[in-house]
Every structure is written in C-alpha cells, then in structure tokens.
C-alpha cells in the first residue's frame, strides 16, 4: 500500500502573518530602550525622548537632547504657564517600568518577578533574551495568534 502525504491547512499561517502586529493588524512598535537616554523636566515631569522627538515643535524623531537648540523650552511647562523652563531644567531619566503592548502587564524593576526567579532590582535590559510576558504566555489565544510575546513587545512606562 502506497503512503499518501496529506497536507493539512493550519491556522499557523494566519499566526505567522500576524507576527509583529498588534490587535487590528497594525504593526507593533519596536522599542530601543537599551541605549536611549531620556530627559525628564524637574518642574512638570515631562519626558523628552529622542525616539519620538517633538514633531509638533519641529524637532524630528531621532534628535538627541544635546542637539536641541539652545532656545528649547519644555513644551508642557510653557503650555501650563509655569514659565520658560529650558534645557537646564531637565535631568537624565531611565525608565524602570515597562508595559506589555498586548495585555498591559507591567514589569517593574523594583519588584522583579521572584516567582519566576527574577530578583527585585533586575533591570529590564538584563532580562534573558528569551524573556516572555507572563500574562500573554498563559493566554492560548494570544500565543496562538501572535506567538510568544518577548521583550520586543514591551514599551517603557513613562509615568
């Protein structure tokens, strides 16, 4: 008796097509939190990120803080009437909490994930490359549709 190969249609094709996308089919944002230095206004808490720049103020994405014009002022302080807080009013800021863009889970460096063997104080950048969102990993619908949600699926939480 001859063997016959059976080709089954699999939902994996849809999952492969959806990888790298969030709900609604739009592409998910990549984060580059490792080497990006952000700056936080001491007066109002506004965070300047070179990743996004300030296109509404003519500052394109990718503009480093040091490259901002000397006339730069905090857009939020000026809008709130707190005065003209310039570059002098900003300090370097590094995020310590990251949010999963799929389910909203927040990884907090101060807390870590002791139940998964990640000690309190472990920086997000120091998590293993195969780190997965603990909530998405338990949801078969997310895993089946989008695959494993790893570090790339997280964004810095700015507040």
N, C-alpha and C. Protein backbone atom coordinates (compact mmCIF):
# COMPACT_ATOMS: atom_id res chain seq x y z
N UNK A 1 0.84 -1.17 0.00
CA UNK A 1 0.00 0.00 0.00
C UNK A 1 0.89 1.24 0.00
N UNK A 2 0.62 2.16 -0.87
CA UNK A 2 1.43 3.37 -1.02
C UNK A 2 1.04 4.40 0.04
N UNK A 3 2.05 5.11 0.52
CA UNK A 3 1.79 6.16 1.50
C UNK A 3 1.38 7.42 0.77
N UNK A 4 0.41 8.09 1.30
CA UNK A 4 -0.09 9.33 0.70
C UNK A 4 0.18 10.46 1.67
N UNK A 5 0.82 11.49 1.16
CA UNK A 5 1.09 12.66 2.01
C UNK A 5 -0.16 13.51 2.09
N UNK A 6 -0.53 13.86 3.28
CA UNK A 6 -1.70 14.70 3.49
C UNK A 6 -1.22 16.07 3.92
N UNK A 7 -1.64 17.08 3.19
CA UNK A 7 -1.29 18.45 3.54
C UNK A 7 -2.51 19.07 4.20
N UNK A 8 -2.35 19.41 5.44
CA UNK A 8 -3.46 19.98 6.19
C UNK A 8 -3.31 21.49 6.24
N UNK A 9 -4.42 22.16 6.10
CA UNK A 9 -4.40 23.61 6.28
C UNK A 9 -4.29 23.88 7.77
N UNK A 10 -3.44 24.78 8.10
CA UNK A 10 -3.19 25.03 9.52
C UNK A 10 -3.43 26.50 9.84
N UNK A 11 -3.93 26.78 11.02
CA UNK A 11 -4.11 28.18 11.42
C UNK A 11 -2.77 28.86 11.67
N UNK A 12 -1.67 28.10 11.64
CA UNK A 12 -0.35 28.67 11.86
C UNK A 12 -0.02 29.72 10.80
N UNK A 13 -0.54 29.55 9.57
CA UNK A 13 -0.27 30.54 8.52
C UNK A 13 -0.78 31.91 8.94
N UNK A 14 -1.97 31.94 9.52
CA UNK A 14 -2.52 33.22 9.98
C UNK A 14 -1.67 33.78 11.11
N UNK A 15 -1.25 32.91 12.01
CA UNK A 15 -0.40 33.36 13.12
C UNK A 15 0.92 33.90 12.60
N UNK A 16 1.52 33.23 11.60
CA UNK A 16 2.77 33.72 11.02
C UNK A 16 2.57 35.07 10.35
N UNK A 17 1.44 35.25 9.71
CA UNK A 17 1.16 36.52 9.04
C UNK A 17 0.93 37.64 10.04
N UNK A 18 0.44 37.29 11.24
CA UNK A 18 0.13 38.31 12.24
C UNK A 18 1.31 38.61 13.16
N UNK A 19 2.37 37.81 13.11
CA UNK A 19 3.52 38.07 13.99
C UNK A 19 4.06 39.45 13.68
N UNK A 20 4.42 40.15 14.73
CA UNK A 20 4.94 41.50 14.55
C UNK A 20 3.83 42.53 14.44
N UNK A 21 2.59 42.11 14.67
CA UNK A 21 1.46 43.04 14.60
C UNK A 21 0.66 42.96 15.89
N UNK A 22 -0.01 44.05 16.21
CA UNK A 22 -0.88 44.06 17.38
C UNK A 22 -2.31 43.90 16.91
N UNK A 23 -3.25 43.85 17.86
CA UNK A 23 -4.65 43.69 17.52
C UNK A 23 -5.07 44.73 16.50
N UNK A 24 -5.85 44.33 15.53
CA UNK A 24 -6.29 45.24 14.48
C UNK A 24 -5.40 45.14 13.25
N UNK A 25 -4.32 44.35 13.32
CA UNK A 25 -3.49 44.12 12.16
C UNK A 25 -2.41 45.17 11.92
N UNK A 26 -2.30 46.18 12.81
CA UNK A 26 -1.27 47.19 12.58
C UNK A 26 0.06 46.71 13.16
N UNK A 27 1.15 47.20 12.63
CA UNK A 27 2.47 46.75 13.06
C UNK A 27 2.74 47.20 14.49
N UNK A 28 3.37 46.33 15.27
CA UNK A 28 3.70 46.71 16.64
C UNK A 28 4.96 47.56 16.64
N UNK A 29 5.06 48.42 17.67
CA UNK A 29 6.20 49.31 17.78
C UNK A 29 7.39 48.54 18.33
N UNK A 30 8.53 48.82 17.75
CA UNK A 30 9.78 48.28 18.29
C UNK A 30 10.29 49.25 19.32
N UNK A 31 10.86 48.73 20.38
CA UNK A 31 11.43 49.61 21.39
C UNK A 31 12.94 49.51 21.35
N UNK A 32 13.57 50.61 21.62
CA UNK A 32 15.03 50.64 21.68
C UNK A 32 15.44 51.24 23.01
N UNK A 33 14.96 50.66 24.07
CA UNK A 33 15.14 51.24 25.39
C UNK A 33 16.55 51.05 25.94
N UNK A 34 17.35 50.21 25.34
CA UNK A 34 18.65 49.88 25.90
C UNK A 34 19.60 51.06 25.87
N UNK A 35 19.75 51.72 24.73
CA UNK A 35 20.77 52.76 24.61
C UNK A 35 20.19 54.17 24.54
N UNK A 36 18.91 54.33 24.67
CA UNK A 36 18.30 55.65 24.55
C UNK A 36 18.30 56.36 25.90
N UNK A 37 18.81 57.59 25.90
CA UNK A 37 18.80 58.39 27.12
C UNK A 37 17.65 59.38 27.01
N UNK A 38 16.75 59.34 27.98
CA UNK A 38 15.61 60.25 28.01
C UNK A 38 15.88 61.30 29.07
N UNK A 39 15.16 62.41 28.98
CA UNK A 39 15.33 63.51 29.93
C UNK A 39 13.98 63.92 30.48
N UNK A 40 13.94 64.17 31.81
CA UNK A 40 12.69 64.49 32.49
C UNK A 40 12.78 65.90 33.06
N UNK A 41 11.72 66.70 32.82
CA UNK A 41 11.65 68.07 33.34
C UNK A 41 11.47 68.01 34.86
N UNK A 42 12.31 68.75 35.58
CA UNK A 42 12.23 68.77 37.05
C UNK A 42 10.97 69.48 37.55
N UNK A 43 10.39 70.34 36.73
CA UNK A 43 9.24 71.12 37.17
C UNK A 43 7.92 70.36 36.98
N UNK A 44 7.70 69.82 35.79
CA UNK A 44 6.39 69.22 35.50
C UNK A 44 6.42 67.71 35.26
N UNK A 45 7.61 67.13 35.07
CA UNK A 45 7.69 65.70 34.84
C UNK A 45 7.62 65.28 33.39
N UNK A 46 7.55 66.24 32.45
CA UNK A 46 7.53 65.91 31.02
C UNK A 46 8.81 65.16 30.66
N UNK A 47 8.68 64.14 29.82
CA UNK A 47 9.84 63.35 29.43
C UNK A 47 10.12 63.56 27.95
N UNK A 48 11.35 64.03 27.66
CA UNK A 48 11.78 64.16 26.27
C UNK A 48 12.47 62.86 25.87
N UNK A 49 11.99 62.26 24.78
CA UNK A 49 12.59 61.03 24.27
C UNK A 49 13.07 61.25 22.85
N UNK A 50 14.34 60.97 22.57
CA UNK A 50 14.84 61.09 21.20
C UNK A 50 14.13 60.14 20.24
N UNK A 51 13.54 59.07 20.76
CA UNK A 51 12.84 58.13 19.89
C UNK A 51 11.66 58.79 19.17
N UNK A 52 10.99 59.69 19.86
CA UNK A 52 9.82 60.33 19.24
C UNK A 52 10.06 61.78 18.89
N UNK A 53 11.04 62.44 19.52
CA UNK A 53 11.27 63.86 19.24
C UNK A 53 10.05 64.68 19.61
N UNK A 54 9.89 65.81 18.95
CA UNK A 54 8.70 66.65 19.11
C UNK A 54 8.33 67.20 17.73
N UNK A 55 7.75 66.36 16.87
CA UNK A 55 7.43 66.81 15.51
C UNK A 55 6.53 68.04 15.48
N UNK A 56 5.65 68.17 16.47
CA UNK A 56 4.75 69.33 16.52
C UNK A 56 5.52 70.62 16.80
N UNK A 57 6.75 70.51 17.30
CA UNK A 57 7.60 71.68 17.55
C UNK A 57 8.76 71.75 16.57
N UNK A 58 8.71 70.95 15.51
CA UNK A 58 9.76 70.97 14.51
C UNK A 58 11.00 70.19 14.89
N UNK A 59 10.91 69.32 15.88
CA UNK A 59 12.05 68.50 16.30
C UNK A 59 11.77 67.06 15.86
N UNK A 60 12.46 66.58 14.83
CA UNK A 60 12.17 65.25 14.30
C UNK A 60 12.61 64.13 15.24
N UNK A 61 11.99 62.97 15.07
CA UNK A 61 12.39 61.79 15.84
C UNK A 61 13.86 61.51 15.57
N UNK A 62 14.57 61.07 16.59
CA UNK A 62 15.99 60.78 16.46
C UNK A 62 16.89 61.92 16.89
N UNK A 63 16.31 63.07 17.27
CA UNK A 63 17.11 64.22 17.71
C UNK A 63 17.53 64.02 19.17
N UNK A 64 18.83 63.91 19.40
CA UNK A 64 19.36 63.75 20.76
C UNK A 64 19.13 65.03 21.55
N UNK A 65 19.04 64.91 22.87
CA UNK A 65 18.80 66.05 23.74
C UNK A 65 19.90 67.11 23.58
N UNK A 66 21.13 66.66 23.46
CA UNK A 66 22.26 67.58 23.31
C UNK A 66 22.17 68.38 22.02
N UNK A 67 21.47 67.85 21.02
CA UNK A 67 21.35 68.52 19.72
C UNK A 67 20.17 69.48 19.65
N UNK A 68 19.38 69.57 20.71
CA UNK A 68 18.25 70.51 20.72
C UNK A 68 18.80 71.94 20.69
N UNK A 69 18.06 72.87 20.09
CA UNK A 69 18.55 74.25 20.05
C UNK A 69 18.63 74.85 21.46
N UNK A 70 19.49 75.85 21.63
CA UNK A 70 19.64 76.50 22.94
C UNK A 70 18.35 77.19 23.37
N UNK A 71 17.47 77.47 22.42
CA UNK A 71 16.21 78.15 22.72
C UNK A 71 15.11 77.16 23.14
N UNK A 72 15.44 75.88 23.21
CA UNK A 72 14.44 74.85 23.56
C UNK A 72 13.86 75.12 24.94
N UNK A 73 12.54 75.00 25.05
CA UNK A 73 11.85 75.10 26.34
C UNK A 73 10.91 73.91 26.47
N UNK A 74 10.65 73.53 27.71
CA UNK A 74 9.73 72.43 27.98
C UNK A 74 8.35 72.79 27.42
N UNK A 75 7.81 71.98 26.51
CA UNK A 75 6.51 72.32 25.91
C UNK A 75 5.36 72.27 26.92
N UNK A 76 5.45 71.42 27.91
CA UNK A 76 4.37 71.29 28.88
C UNK A 76 4.36 72.44 29.88
N UNK A 77 5.53 72.83 30.37
CA UNK A 77 5.61 73.95 31.32
C UNK A 77 5.12 75.24 30.65
N UNK A 78 5.52 75.46 29.41
CA UNK A 78 5.08 76.65 28.69
C UNK A 78 3.58 76.66 28.51
N UNK A 79 3.01 75.50 28.21
CA UNK A 79 1.57 75.39 27.99
C UNK A 79 0.81 75.59 29.30
N UNK A 80 1.36 75.13 30.42
CA UNK A 80 0.68 75.24 31.71
C UNK A 80 0.93 76.58 32.39
N UNK A 81 1.75 77.43 31.77
CA UNK A 81 2.00 78.75 32.34
C UNK A 81 3.01 78.74 33.48
N UNK A 82 3.86 77.74 33.54
CA UNK A 82 4.86 77.65 34.61
C UNK A 82 6.15 78.38 34.26
N UNK A 83 6.18 79.01 33.12
CA UNK A 83 7.38 79.74 32.71
C UNK A 83 8.16 79.02 31.64
N UNK A 84 9.29 79.61 31.29
CA UNK A 84 10.13 79.07 30.23
C UNK A 84 11.24 78.21 30.84
N UNK A 85 10.96 76.94 31.02
CA UNK A 85 11.95 76.02 31.56
C UNK A 85 12.75 75.48 30.38
N UNK A 86 14.02 75.86 30.34
CA UNK A 86 14.89 75.45 29.24
C UNK A 86 15.55 74.10 29.48
N UNK A 87 16.59 73.83 28.69
CA UNK A 87 17.32 72.57 28.81
C UNK A 87 17.92 72.38 30.21
N UNK A 88 18.19 73.50 30.87
CA UNK A 88 18.76 73.45 32.21
C UNK A 88 17.83 72.78 33.22
N UNK A 89 16.54 72.73 32.94
CA UNK A 89 15.56 72.18 33.87
C UNK A 89 15.31 70.69 33.69
N UNK A 90 16.13 70.02 32.89
CA UNK A 90 15.94 68.59 32.62
C UNK A 90 17.07 67.77 33.21
N UNK A 91 16.74 66.58 33.68
CA UNK A 91 17.72 65.62 34.18
C UNK A 91 17.59 64.33 33.38
N UNK A 92 18.69 63.58 33.29
CA UNK A 92 18.62 62.27 32.63
C UNK A 92 17.61 61.40 33.36
N UNK A 93 16.87 60.60 32.59
CA UNK A 93 15.84 59.73 33.17
C UNK A 93 15.89 58.38 32.48
N UNK A 94 15.84 57.32 33.26
CA UNK A 94 15.81 55.97 32.73
C UNK A 94 14.56 55.28 33.24
N UNK A 95 13.76 54.70 32.34
CA UNK A 95 12.54 54.03 32.79
C UNK A 95 12.86 52.81 33.65
N UNK A 96 12.02 52.55 34.62
CA UNK A 96 12.19 51.38 35.48
C UNK A 96 10.97 50.46 35.41
N UNK A 97 9.96 50.87 34.66
CA UNK A 97 8.77 50.04 34.47
C UNK A 97 8.48 49.95 32.98
N UNK A 98 8.10 48.76 32.53
CA UNK A 98 7.82 48.51 31.12
C UNK A 98 6.47 47.82 31.01
N UNK A 99 5.69 48.21 30.00
CA UNK A 99 4.34 47.68 29.84
C UNK A 99 4.25 46.82 28.58
N UNK A 100 3.59 45.68 28.70
CA UNK A 100 3.35 44.81 27.55
C UNK A 100 2.31 45.47 26.66
N UNK A 101 2.64 45.66 25.40
CA UNK A 101 1.73 46.36 24.50
C UNK A 101 0.55 45.48 24.08
N UNK A 102 0.54 44.22 24.46
CA UNK A 102 -0.57 43.34 24.11
C UNK A 102 -1.59 43.24 25.24
N UNK A 103 -1.13 42.99 26.48
CA UNK A 103 -2.08 42.73 27.57
C UNK A 103 -2.06 43.78 28.67
N UNK A 104 -1.04 44.65 28.70
CA UNK A 104 -0.98 45.69 29.71
C UNK A 104 -0.22 45.30 30.97
N UNK A 105 0.37 44.11 31.00
CA UNK A 105 1.17 43.69 32.16
C UNK A 105 2.36 44.65 32.31
N UNK A 106 2.67 45.03 33.55
CA UNK A 106 3.78 45.95 33.82
C UNK A 106 4.91 45.21 34.52
N UNK A 107 6.09 45.23 33.89
CA UNK A 107 7.29 44.70 34.55
C UNK A 107 7.93 45.86 35.31
N UNK A 108 8.06 45.71 36.62
CA UNK A 108 8.64 46.73 37.48
C UNK A 108 9.99 46.23 37.98
N UNK A 109 11.06 46.96 37.64
CA UNK A 109 12.40 46.54 38.03
C UNK A 109 12.55 46.45 39.55
N UNK A 110 11.89 47.34 40.28
CA UNK A 110 11.99 47.33 41.74
C UNK A 110 11.39 46.06 42.34
N UNK A 111 10.37 45.53 41.69
CA UNK A 111 9.68 44.34 42.19
C UNK A 111 10.27 43.05 41.63
N UNK A 112 10.67 43.08 40.36
CA UNK A 112 11.15 41.87 39.70
C UNK A 112 10.01 40.88 39.54
N UNK A 113 10.35 39.62 39.40
CA UNK A 113 9.37 38.54 39.33
C UNK A 113 9.93 37.35 40.11
N UNK A 114 9.90 37.45 41.46
CA UNK A 114 10.52 36.40 42.28
C UNK A 114 9.96 35.01 42.02
N UNK A 115 8.67 34.90 41.71
CA UNK A 115 8.06 33.60 41.45
C UNK A 115 8.60 32.96 40.17
N UNK A 116 9.26 33.76 39.32
CA UNK A 116 9.86 33.23 38.09
C UNK A 116 11.38 33.25 38.17
N UNK A 117 11.92 33.55 39.36
CA UNK A 117 13.36 33.54 39.54
C UNK A 117 14.06 34.83 39.14
N UNK A 118 13.31 35.91 38.93
CA UNK A 118 13.90 37.21 38.58
C UNK A 118 13.88 38.07 39.84
N UNK A 119 15.07 38.36 40.35
CA UNK A 119 15.19 39.08 41.62
C UNK A 119 14.77 40.53 41.49
N UNK A 120 14.31 41.10 42.60
CA UNK A 120 13.99 42.54 42.66
C UNK A 120 15.24 43.32 42.31
N UNK A 121 15.09 44.38 41.53
CA UNK A 121 16.22 45.20 41.11
C UNK A 121 16.81 44.80 39.77
N UNK A 122 16.29 43.73 39.15
CA UNK A 122 16.81 43.30 37.85
C UNK A 122 16.34 44.26 36.77
N UNK A 123 17.29 44.88 36.10
CA UNK A 123 16.96 45.83 35.03
C UNK A 123 16.32 45.11 33.85
N UNK A 124 15.42 45.80 33.16
CA UNK A 124 14.74 45.21 32.01
C UNK A 124 15.75 44.76 30.96
N UNK A 125 16.79 45.56 30.75
CA UNK A 125 17.80 45.24 29.76
C UNK A 125 18.56 43.97 30.12
N UNK A 126 18.60 43.63 31.41
CA UNK A 126 19.34 42.45 31.87
C UNK A 126 18.50 41.18 31.89
N UNK A 127 17.22 41.28 31.53
CA UNK A 127 16.39 40.08 31.46
C UNK A 127 16.92 39.19 30.34
N UNK A 128 16.76 37.88 30.45
CA UNK A 128 17.25 37.00 29.39
C UNK A 128 16.57 37.31 28.05
N UNK A 129 17.27 37.01 26.97
CA UNK A 129 16.73 37.29 25.64
C UNK A 129 15.44 36.54 25.36
N UNK A 130 15.26 35.40 26.02
CA UNK A 130 14.04 34.62 25.80
C UNK A 130 12.93 34.95 26.81
N UNK A 131 13.06 36.08 27.52
CA UNK A 131 12.03 36.50 28.48
C UNK A 131 10.70 36.66 27.76
N UNK A 132 9.64 36.13 28.37
CA UNK A 132 8.30 36.24 27.80
C UNK A 132 7.37 36.89 28.80
N UNK A 133 6.37 37.62 28.27
CA UNK A 133 5.36 38.22 29.13
C UNK A 133 4.65 37.09 29.88
N UNK A 134 4.61 37.16 31.22
CA UNK A 134 4.00 36.07 31.99
C UNK A 134 2.49 35.96 31.79
N UNK A 135 1.81 37.04 31.48
CA UNK A 135 0.36 37.00 31.28
C UNK A 135 0.04 36.46 29.89
N UNK A 136 0.69 37.01 28.87
CA UNK A 136 0.44 36.55 27.50
C UNK A 136 0.81 35.08 27.32
N UNK A 137 1.84 34.63 28.03
CA UNK A 137 2.27 33.23 27.92
C UNK A 137 1.19 32.27 28.40
N UNK A 138 0.30 32.74 29.30
CA UNK A 138 -0.76 31.89 29.82
C UNK A 138 -2.04 31.95 28.99
N UNK A 139 -2.11 32.88 28.05
CA UNK A 139 -3.32 33.04 27.24
C UNK A 139 -3.13 32.35 25.89
N UNK A 140 -3.80 31.22 25.69
CA UNK A 140 -3.59 30.48 24.44
C UNK A 140 -4.03 31.25 23.19
N UNK A 141 -5.02 32.14 23.33
CA UNK A 141 -5.45 32.92 22.16
C UNK A 141 -4.35 33.85 21.69
N UNK A 142 -3.70 34.53 22.63
CA UNK A 142 -2.60 35.44 22.27
C UNK A 142 -1.44 34.64 21.69
N UNK A 143 -1.06 33.56 22.35
CA UNK A 143 0.07 32.75 21.90
C UNK A 143 -0.20 32.16 20.53
N UNK A 144 -1.41 31.70 20.30
CA UNK A 144 -1.75 31.09 19.02
C UNK A 144 -1.76 32.13 17.90
N UNK A 145 -2.25 33.33 18.19
CA UNK A 145 -2.37 34.37 17.17
C UNK A 145 -1.07 35.11 16.92
N UNK A 146 -0.39 35.49 18.00
CA UNK A 146 0.79 36.36 17.86
C UNK A 146 2.10 35.67 18.17
N UNK A 147 2.08 34.46 18.70
CA UNK A 147 3.31 33.79 19.10
C UNK A 147 3.72 34.22 20.49
N UNK A 148 4.97 33.96 20.83
CA UNK A 148 5.49 34.31 22.15
C UNK A 148 5.74 35.81 22.21
N UNK A 149 5.20 36.47 23.23
CA UNK A 149 5.41 37.91 23.41
C UNK A 149 6.67 38.08 24.25
N UNK A 150 7.74 38.52 23.61
CA UNK A 150 9.02 38.66 24.30
C UNK A 150 9.32 40.12 24.57
N UNK A 151 10.56 40.45 24.88
CA UNK A 151 10.94 41.80 25.30
C UNK A 151 10.56 42.86 24.27
N UNK A 152 10.57 42.50 22.99
CA UNK A 152 10.23 43.46 21.95
C UNK A 152 8.79 43.95 22.05
N UNK A 153 7.95 43.20 22.73
CA UNK A 153 6.55 43.57 22.89
C UNK A 153 6.30 44.53 24.05
N UNK A 154 7.35 44.97 24.72
CA UNK A 154 7.22 45.88 25.86
C UNK A 154 7.68 47.28 25.47
N UNK A 155 7.04 48.28 26.08
CA UNK A 155 7.41 49.69 25.89
C UNK A 155 7.68 50.31 27.25
N UNK A 156 8.59 51.29 27.32
CA UNK A 156 8.83 51.96 28.61
C UNK A 156 7.57 52.66 29.11
N UNK A 157 7.31 52.54 30.39
CA UNK A 157 6.18 53.21 31.02
C UNK A 157 6.72 54.51 31.59
N UNK A 158 6.22 55.63 31.11
CA UNK A 158 6.83 56.92 31.42
C UNK A 158 6.30 57.59 32.67
N UNK A 159 5.31 57.05 33.30
CA UNK A 159 4.78 57.73 34.49
C UNK A 159 5.00 56.90 35.72
